[in-house]
Amino acid sequence: MYTYMTHGTCCRAFQVELDGDVVKEVKYMGGCDGNLKAICKIAQGMTVDQLAAAWEGNRCGMKPTSCADQLVKALREAQAATA
């Protein structure tokens, strides 16, 4: 599991596990429970690139980022750490 501390979101951190470039598991700490449960379920089985295409750059209100955007950053970092 790779831990990523988020920046600019209510969620404080993501823990992600990859199998190559496929998301195996995502856990979160803090944030909107219902939305993040859904994000984690949707992410499982998808590739990092698929999620990045859909979620990278998404914003939450006036914030420059969102939990989905931060998850993509977490996945990219986890991918780089295992390369």
Protein backbone atom coordinates (compact mmCIF):
# COMPACT_ATOMS: atom_id res chain seq x y z
CA MET A 1 0.00 0.00 0.00
CA TYR A 2 1.25 3.46 -0.92
CA THR A 3 0.14 6.38 1.27
CA TYR A 4 -0.40 9.82 -0.27
CA MET A 5 -1.14 12.85 1.89
CA THR A 6 -3.64 15.02 0.01
CA HIS A 7 -3.43 18.78 -0.51
CA GLY A 8 -6.40 21.14 -0.60
CA THR A 9 -9.19 18.61 0.06
CA CYS A 10 -11.27 17.44 3.00
CA CYS A 11 -9.86 13.95 2.57
CA ARG A 12 -6.53 13.86 4.43
CA ALA A 13 -4.90 10.86 2.73
CA PHE A 14 -5.31 8.00 0.29
CA GLN A 15 -3.77 4.56 0.54
CA VAL A 16 -3.54 2.88 -2.84
CA GLU A 17 -2.44 -0.53 -4.05
CA LEU A 18 -1.64 -1.17 -7.68
CA ASP A 19 -1.14 -4.33 -9.69
CA GLY A 20 1.01 -2.96 -12.48
CA ASP A 21 -1.04 -0.03 -13.75
CA VAL A 22 -4.38 -1.42 -12.51
CA VAL A 23 -5.91 -0.16 -9.27
CA LYS A 24 -6.30 -3.04 -6.85
CA GLU A 25 -7.50 -1.18 -3.75
CA VAL A 26 -8.08 2.37 -2.49
CA LYS A 27 -8.65 3.48 1.10
CA TYR A 28 -9.16 7.02 2.36
CA MET A 29 -8.95 9.00 5.59
CA GLY A 30 -11.36 11.85 6.20
CA GLY A 31 -13.54 13.55 3.66
CA CYS A 32 -17.05 12.88 2.41
CA ASP A 33 -17.73 9.26 3.28
CA GLY A 34 -20.38 8.52 0.66
CA ASN A 35 -18.63 10.14 -2.28
CA LEU A 36 -15.26 8.65 -1.41
CA LYS A 37 -16.71 5.15 -1.00
CA ALA A 38 -18.10 5.49 -4.53
CA ILE A 39 -14.82 6.82 -5.92
CA CYS A 40 -12.91 3.92 -4.37
CA LYS A 41 -15.34 1.34 -5.79
CA ILE A 42 -15.24 2.86 -9.27
CA ALA A 43 -11.43 3.02 -9.23
CA GLN A 44 -10.95 -0.70 -8.54
CA GLY A 45 -10.05 -2.59 -11.69
CA MET A 46 -9.41 0.51 -13.77
CA THR A 47 -6.02 1.64 -15.01
CA VAL A 48 -4.27 4.75 -13.76
CA ASP A 49 -4.53 6.27 -17.25
CA GLN A 50 -8.28 5.59 -17.47
CA LEU A 51 -8.89 7.34 -14.16
CA ALA A 52 -6.56 10.20 -15.05
CA ALA A 53 -8.46 10.80 -18.29
CA ALA A 54 -11.71 11.13 -16.37
CA TRP A 55 -10.68 12.72 -13.07
CA GLU A 56 -7.41 14.63 -13.45
CA GLY A 57 -7.98 18.36 -13.11
CA ASN A 58 -11.49 18.08 -11.64
CA ARG A 59 -12.19 20.81 -9.11
CA CYS A 60 -14.36 20.94 -6.00
CA GLY A 61 -16.18 24.26 -5.94
CA MET A 62 -13.64 27.08 -5.94
CA LYS A 63 -10.79 24.80 -4.85
CA PRO A 64 -8.07 24.15 -7.45
CA THR A 65 -8.37 20.39 -6.87
CA SER A 66 -10.79 17.69 -5.71
CA CYS A 67 -10.63 14.28 -4.05
CA ALA A 68 -10.81 12.62 -7.48
CA ASP A 69 -7.95 14.81 -8.76
CA GLN A 70 -5.91 14.05 -5.63
CA LEU A 71 -6.52 10.33 -6.07
CA VAL A 72 -5.03 10.54 -9.56
CA LYS A 73 -1.97 12.25 -8.06
CA ALA A 74 -1.74 9.46 -5.46
CA LEU A 75 -1.95 6.80 -8.17
CA ARG A 76 0.71 8.50 -10.29
CA GLU A 77 3.06 8.72 -7.29
CA ALA A 78 2.43 5.08 -6.36
CA GLN A 79 3.08 4.08 -9.96
CA ALA A 80 6.37 6.00 -10.04
CA ALA A 81 7.45 4.54 -6.69
CA THR A 82 7.06 0.99 -7.96
CA ALA A 83 8.68 1.60 -11.36
